[in-house]
């Protein structure tokens, strides 16, 4: 069984931290893996090919996602400045289980030509948080509408099957072994 665990970056007070991070599981992960496999294609052609192929084989993944919601209180900022571990016994982890088409974890907005506002437009590097964006299982046409919204000024998260969280730490545990391409 494969699982990942991620924590938002933190730095001692007064130190500059350079960091960029995004991870995708499900549709996004498959699309990125396919695009890498066809690097001999032109970038736009490769991206379009990977998206179409991943959409053709769109399937939900059964997994469990645990996360520590972001707490911007001064005591958390002070704990980080002192280099203390992020998680302590007072932290309240939340868990979500189910069928997910895509799980994205991003510490940066990920601006690009197909998403001018970014894949995670509300992320900030200066506060030690990450965006957790979950697309639950839905029909292919509804999921495509969600993807098309990234290219517009409309809210891409305004769908009943999309959930967003601001988090400090995330753990993703697939509940089957056939989650990759």
C-alpha atoms as a PDB file:
ATOM      1  CA  UNK A   1       0.000   0.000   0.000  1.00  0.00           C
ATOM      2  CA  UNK A   2       1.317   3.440  -0.919  1.00  0.00           C
ATOM      3  CA  UNK A   3       0.711   6.626   1.028  1.00  0.00           C
ATOM      4  CA  UNK A   4       2.157  10.112   1.246  1.00  0.00           C
ATOM      5  CA  UNK A   5       2.423  12.613   3.983  1.00  0.00           C
ATOM      6  CA  UNK A   6       3.160  16.310   3.459  1.00  0.00           C
ATOM      7  CA  UNK A   7       3.704  19.280   5.720  1.00  0.00           C
ATOM      8  CA  UNK A   8       3.697  22.954   4.854  1.00  0.00           C
ATOM      9  CA  UNK A   9       7.111  24.607   4.961  1.00  0.00           C
ATOM     10  CA  UNK A  10       8.196  26.698   7.900  1.00  0.00           C
ATOM     11  CA  UNK A  11      11.326  28.696   8.570  1.00  0.00           C
ATOM     12  CA  UNK A  12      12.917  30.234  11.643  1.00  0.00           C
ATOM     13  CA  UNK A  13      11.824  33.838  12.237  1.00  0.00           C
ATOM     14  CA  UNK A  14      13.643  36.308  10.002  1.00  0.00           C
ATOM     15  CA  UNK A  15      14.911  33.617   7.601  1.00  0.00           C
ATOM     16  CA  UNK A  16      13.944  33.609   3.932  1.00  0.00           C
ATOM     17  CA  UNK A  17      12.469  30.324   2.764  1.00  0.00           C
ATOM     18  CA  UNK A  18      12.159  29.585  -0.939  1.00  0.00           C
ATOM     19  CA  UNK A  19       9.677  26.861  -1.626  1.00  0.00           C
ATOM     20  CA  UNK A  20       7.333  25.726  -4.361  1.00  0.00           C
ATOM     21  CA  UNK A  21       5.195  22.657  -4.155  1.00  0.00           C
ATOM     22  CA  UNK A  22       2.256  20.933  -5.767  1.00  0.00           C
ATOM     23  CA  UNK A  23       1.166  17.309  -5.750  1.00  0.00           C
ATOM     24  CA  UNK A  24      -1.753  15.645  -7.499  1.00  0.00           C
ATOM     25  CA  UNK A  25      -3.387  12.285  -7.031  1.00  0.00           C
ATOM     26  CA  UNK A  26      -5.972  10.786  -9.396  1.00  0.00           C
ATOM     27  CA  UNK A  27      -6.762  12.669 -12.608  1.00  0.00           C
ATOM     28  CA  UNK A  28      -4.065  15.330 -12.110  1.00  0.00           C
ATOM     29  CA  UNK A  29      -1.386  12.777 -11.263  1.00  0.00           C
ATOM     30  CA  UNK A  30      -2.271  10.624 -14.258  1.00  0.00           C
ATOM     31  CA  UNK A  31      -2.230  13.649 -16.558  1.00  0.00           C
ATOM     32  CA  UNK A  32       1.210  14.745 -15.338  1.00  0.00           C
ATOM     33  CA  UNK A  33       2.592  11.197 -15.640  1.00  0.00           C
ATOM     34  CA  UNK A  34       1.250  10.846 -19.191  1.00  0.00           C
ATOM     35  CA  UNK A  35       2.669  14.239 -20.190  1.00  0.00           C
ATOM     36  CA  UNK A  36       6.098  13.164 -18.911  1.00  0.00           C
ATOM     37  CA  UNK A  37       5.859   9.901 -20.837  1.00  0.00           C
ATOM     38  CA  UNK A  38       5.374  11.827 -24.106  1.00  0.00           C
ATOM     39  CA  UNK A  39       8.062  14.486 -23.697  1.00  0.00           C
ATOM     40  CA  UNK A  40       9.000  14.127 -27.364  1.00  0.00           C
ATOM     41  CA  UNK A  41       5.745  15.969 -28.251  1.00  0.00           C
ATOM     42  CA  UNK A  42       5.494  19.761 -28.295  1.00  0.00           C
ATOM     43  CA  UNK A  43       4.454  21.037 -24.817  1.00  0.00           C
ATOM     44  CA  UNK A  44       0.903  22.159 -25.740  1.00  0.00           C
ATOM     45  CA  UNK A  45       0.289  19.029 -27.806  1.00  0.00           C
ATOM     46  CA  UNK A  46       1.616  16.842 -24.986  1.00  0.00           C
ATOM     47  CA  UNK A  47      -0.602  18.587 -22.399  1.00  0.00           C
ATOM     48  CA  UNK A  48      -3.729  18.282 -24.547  1.00  0.00           C
ATOM     49  CA  UNK A  49      -2.996  14.624 -25.360  1.00  0.00           C
ATOM     50  CA  UNK A  50      -2.456  13.778 -21.690  1.00  0.00           C
ATOM     51  CA  UNK A  51      -5.670  15.534 -20.593  1.00  0.00           C
ATOM     52  CA  UNK A  52      -7.784  13.800 -23.266  1.00  0.00           C
ATOM     53  CA  UNK A  53      -6.287  10.386 -22.545  1.00  0.00           C
ATOM     54  CA  UNK A  54      -6.710  10.801 -18.765  1.00  0.00           C
ATOM     55  CA  UNK A  55     -10.326  11.958 -19.266  1.00  0.00           C
ATOM     56  CA  UNK A  56     -11.020   8.933 -21.479  1.00  0.00           C
ATOM     57  CA  UNK A  57      -9.930   6.646 -18.627  1.00  0.00           C
ATOM     58  CA  UNK A  58     -11.394   8.814 -15.855  1.00  0.00           C
ATOM     59  CA  UNK A  59     -12.068   6.787 -12.738  1.00  0.00           C
ATOM     60  CA  UNK A  60     -12.476   7.544  -9.095  1.00  0.00           C
ATOM     61  CA  UNK A  61      -9.884   6.377  -6.568  1.00  0.00           C
ATOM     62  CA  UNK A  62     -10.897   4.965  -3.202  1.00  0.00           C
ATOM     63  CA  UNK A  63      -8.776   6.637  -0.561  1.00  0.00           C
ATOM     64  CA  UNK A  64      -8.572   8.151   2.869  1.00  0.00           C
ATOM     65  CA  UNK A  65      -7.327  11.706   3.324  1.00  0.00           C
ATOM     66  CA  UNK A  66      -6.248  12.966   6.736  1.00  0.00           C
ATOM     67  CA  UNK A  67      -5.390  16.605   7.238  1.00  0.00           C
ATOM     68  CA  UNK A  68      -4.536  19.107   9.899  1.00  0.00           C
ATOM     69  CA  UNK A  69      -6.541  22.299   9.266  1.00  0.00           C
ATOM     70  CA  UNK A  70      -4.463  25.469   9.133  1.00  0.00           C
ATOM     71  CA  UNK A  71      -4.582  27.498  12.316  1.00  0.00           C
ATOM     72  CA  UNK A  72      -3.192  30.991  11.849  1.00  0.00           C
ATOM     73  CA  UNK A  73      -3.176  31.839  15.542  1.00  0.00           C
ATOM     74  CA  UNK A  74      -0.120  33.450  17.114  1.00  0.00           C
ATOM     75  CA  UNK A  75       0.729  30.350  19.176  1.00  0.00           C
ATOM     76  CA  UNK A  76       1.137  28.279  15.996  1.00  0.00           C
ATOM     77  CA  UNK A  77       3.333  30.989  14.436  1.00  0.00           C
ATOM     78  CA  UNK A  78       5.380  31.177  17.652  1.00  0.00           C
ATOM     79  CA  UNK A  79       5.742  27.367  17.801  1.00  0.00           C
ATOM     80  CA  UNK A  80       7.025  27.392  14.194  1.00  0.00           C
ATOM     81  CA  UNK A  81       9.474  30.221  14.919  1.00  0.00           C
ATOM     82  CA  UNK A  82      10.963  28.164  17.742  1.00  0.00           C
ATOM     83  CA  UNK A  83      11.370  25.163  15.419  1.00  0.00           C
ATOM     84  CA  UNK A  84       8.904  22.984  17.329  1.00  0.00           C
ATOM     85  CA  UNK A  85       7.263  20.067  15.539  1.00  0.00           C
ATOM     86  CA  UNK A  86       4.082  21.030  13.735  1.00  0.00           C
ATOM     87  CA  UNK A  87       1.818  18.365  15.194  1.00  0.00           C
ATOM     88  CA  UNK A  88       1.234  18.041  18.883  1.00  0.00           C
ATOM     89  CA  UNK A  89      -1.415  16.281  20.910  1.00  0.00           C
ATOM     90  CA  UNK A  90      -3.697  19.360  20.812  1.00  0.00           C
ATOM     91  CA  UNK A  91      -3.950  19.399  17.003  1.00  0.00           C
ATOM     92  CA  UNK A  92      -7.252  18.178  15.585  1.00  0.00           C
ATOM     93  CA  UNK A  93      -6.734  15.979  12.534  1.00  0.00           C
ATOM     94  CA  UNK A  94      -9.726  15.549  10.221  1.00  0.00           C
ATOM     95  CA  UNK A  95     -10.335  12.560   7.964  1.00  0.00           C
ATOM     96  CA  UNK A  96     -12.277  12.143   4.723  1.00  0.00           C
ATOM     97  CA  UNK A  97     -12.892   8.794   3.032  1.00  0.00           C
ATOM     98  CA  UNK A  98     -14.464   8.112  -0.310  1.00  0.00           C
ATOM     99  CA  UNK A  99     -14.168   7.987  -4.066  1.00  0.00           C
ATOM    100  CA  UNK A 100     -12.143  10.900  -5.455  1.00  0.00           C
ATOM    101  CA  UNK A 101     -11.463  11.877  -9.067  1.00  0.00           C
ATOM    102  CA  UNK A 102      -8.675  14.260  -8.091  1.00  0.00           C
ATOM    103  CA  UNK A 103      -6.784  15.351  -4.994  1.00  0.00           C
ATOM    104  CA  UNK A 104      -4.474  18.377  -5.274  1.00  0.00           C
ATOM    105  CA  UNK A 105      -2.142  19.673  -2.584  1.00  0.00           C
ATOM    106  CA  UNK A 106      -0.536  23.013  -3.387  1.00  0.00           C
ATOM    107  CA  UNK A 107       1.624  25.524  -1.575  1.00  0.00           C
ATOM    108  CA  UNK A 108       1.723  27.900  -4.543  1.00  0.00           C
ATOM    109  CA  UNK A 109      -1.035  29.217  -6.860  1.00  0.00           C
ATOM    110  CA  UNK A 110       0.384  27.345  -9.909  1.00  0.00           C
ATOM    111  CA  UNK A 111      -0.370  30.067 -12.461  1.00  0.00           C
ATOM    112  CA  UNK A 112      -0.253  28.899 -16.071  1.00  0.00           C
ATOM    113  CA  UNK A 113      -1.730  29.637 -19.492  1.00  0.00           C
ATOM    114  CA  UNK A 114      -4.670  27.260 -18.969  1.00  0.00           C
ATOM    115  CA  UNK A 115      -5.364  28.579 -15.443  1.00  0.00           C
ATOM    116  CA  UNK A 116      -4.553  32.299 -15.377  1.00  0.00           C
ATOM    117  CA  UNK A 117      -5.790  32.675 -11.777  1.00  0.00           C
ATOM    118  CA  UNK A 118      -3.923  29.511 -10.826  1.00  0.00           C
ATOM    119  CA  UNK A 119      -4.905  25.987  -9.843  1.00  0.00           C
ATOM    120  CA  UNK A 120      -4.986  27.110  -6.199  1.00  0.00           C
ATOM    121  CA  UNK A 121      -5.531  30.891  -6.356  1.00  0.00           C
ATOM    122  CA  UNK A 122      -5.907  31.401  -2.598  1.00  0.00           C
ATOM    123  CA  UNK A 123      -2.542  29.962  -1.517  1.00  0.00           C
ATOM    124  CA  UNK A 124       0.080  32.076   0.233  1.00  0.00           C
ATOM    125  CA  UNK A 125       3.720  31.201   0.792  1.00  0.00           C
ATOM    126  CA  UNK A 126       4.088  33.554   3.726  1.00  0.00           C
ATOM    127  CA  UNK A 127       1.895  31.718   6.233  1.00  0.00           C
ATOM    128  CA  UNK A 128       2.920  28.042   6.165  1.00  0.00           C
ATOM    129  CA  UNK A 129      -0.342  26.756   4.717  1.00  0.00           C
ATOM    130  CA  UNK A 130      -1.281  24.617   1.720  1.00  0.00           C
ATOM    131  CA  UNK A 131      -4.461  24.273  -0.327  1.00  0.00           C
ATOM    132  CA  UNK A 132      -6.106  20.852  -0.324  1.00  0.00           C
ATOM    133  CA  UNK A 133      -8.531  20.611  -3.249  1.00  0.00           C
ATOM    134  CA  UNK A 134     -10.662  17.489  -3.537  1.00  0.00           C
ATOM    135  CA  UNK A 135     -12.932  16.522  -6.444  1.00  0.00           C
ATOM    136  CA  UNK A 136     -15.260  13.736  -5.356  1.00  0.00           C
ATOM    137  CA  UNK A 137     -16.679  11.222  -7.787  1.00  0.00           C
ATOM    138  CA  UNK A 138     -19.099  12.779 -10.284  1.00  0.00           C
ATOM    139  CA  UNK A 139     -20.086  12.376 -13.928  1.00  0.00           C
ATOM    140  CA  UNK A 140     -17.485  12.979 -16.638  1.00  0.00           C
ATOM    141  CA  UNK A 141     -19.420  15.994 -18.071  1.00  0.00           C
ATOM    142  CA  UNK A 142     -19.593  17.664 -14.628  1.00  0.00           C
ATOM    143  CA  UNK A 143     -15.889  17.059 -14.022  1.00  0.00           C
ATOM    144  CA  UNK A 144     -15.066  18.566 -17.437  1.00  0.00           C
ATOM    145  CA  UNK A 145     -17.143  21.663 -16.532  1.00  0.00           C
ATOM    146  CA  UNK A 146     -15.020  21.967 -13.384  1.00  0.00           C
ATOM    147  CA  UNK A 147     -11.787  21.720 -15.432  1.00  0.00           C
ATOM    148  CA  UNK A 148     -13.010  24.312 -17.965  1.00  0.00           C
ATOM    149  CA  UNK A 149     -13.680  26.798 -15.153  1.00  0.00           C
ATOM    150  CA  UNK A 150      -9.936  27.011 -14.451  1.00  0.00           C
ATOM    151  CA  UNK A 151      -9.543  28.933 -17.724  1.00  0.00           C
ATOM    152  CA  UNK A 152     -12.279  31.466 -16.860  1.00  0.00           C
ATOM    153  CA  UNK A 153     -12.849  34.055 -14.159  1.00  0.00           C
ATOM    154  CA  UNK A 154     -15.653  31.971 -12.639  1.00  0.00           C
ATOM    155  CA  UNK A 155     -15.007  30.099  -9.404  1.00  0.00           C
ATOM    156  CA  UNK A 156     -13.688  26.646 -10.349  1.00  0.00           C
ATOM    157  CA  UNK A 157     -14.539  25.357  -6.866  1.00  0.00           C
ATOM    158  CA  UNK A 158     -18.241  26.250  -7.008  1.00  0.00           C
ATOM    159  CA  UNK A 159     -19.440  22.678  -7.608  1.00  0.00           C
ATOM    160  CA  UNK A 160     -21.113  20.362  -5.085  1.00  0.00           C
ATOM    161  CA  UNK A 161     -18.450  17.673  -5.638  1.00  0.00           C
ATOM    162  CA  UNK A 162     -15.445  20.000  -5.059  1.00  0.00           C
ATOM    163  CA  UNK A 163     -14.139  20.685  -1.544  1.00  0.00           C
ATOM    164  CA  UNK A 164     -11.317  23.014  -0.558  1.00  0.00           C
ATOM    165  CA  UNK A 165      -9.404  23.218   2.706  1.00  0.00           C
ATOM    166  CA  UNK A 166      -6.497  25.293   3.969  1.00  0.00           C
ATOM    167  CA  UNK A 167      -4.181  22.868   5.747  1.00  0.00           C
ATOM    168  CA  UNK A 168      -0.832  22.525   7.508  1.00  0.00           C
ATOM    169  CA  UNK A 169      -0.312  18.788   6.930  1.00  0.00           C
ATOM    170  CA  UNK A 170      -1.899  16.140   4.698  1.00  0.00           C
ATOM    171  CA  UNK A 171      -1.754  12.345   4.498  1.00  0.00           C
ATOM    172  CA  UNK A 172      -3.201  10.499   1.494  1.00  0.00           C
ATOM    173  CA  UNK A 173      -3.782   6.758   1.813  1.00  0.00           C
ATOM    174  CA  UNK A 174      -5.113   4.921  -1.273  1.00  0.00           C
ATOM    175  CA  UNK A 175      -7.294   2.005  -0.206  1.00  0.00           C
ATOM    176  CA  UNK A 176      -6.513  -0.117  -3.261  1.00  0.00           C
ATOM    177  CA  UNK A 177      -3.342  -0.984  -5.169  1.00  0.00           C
ATOM    178  CA  UNK A 178      -4.480   0.012  -8.683  1.00  0.00           C
ATOM    179  CA  UNK A 179      -4.333   3.795  -8.286  1.00  0.00           C
ATOM    180  CA  UNK A 180      -1.591   4.638 -10.791  1.00  0.00           C
ATOM    181  CA  UNK A 181      -1.914   4.799 -14.589  1.00  0.00           C
END
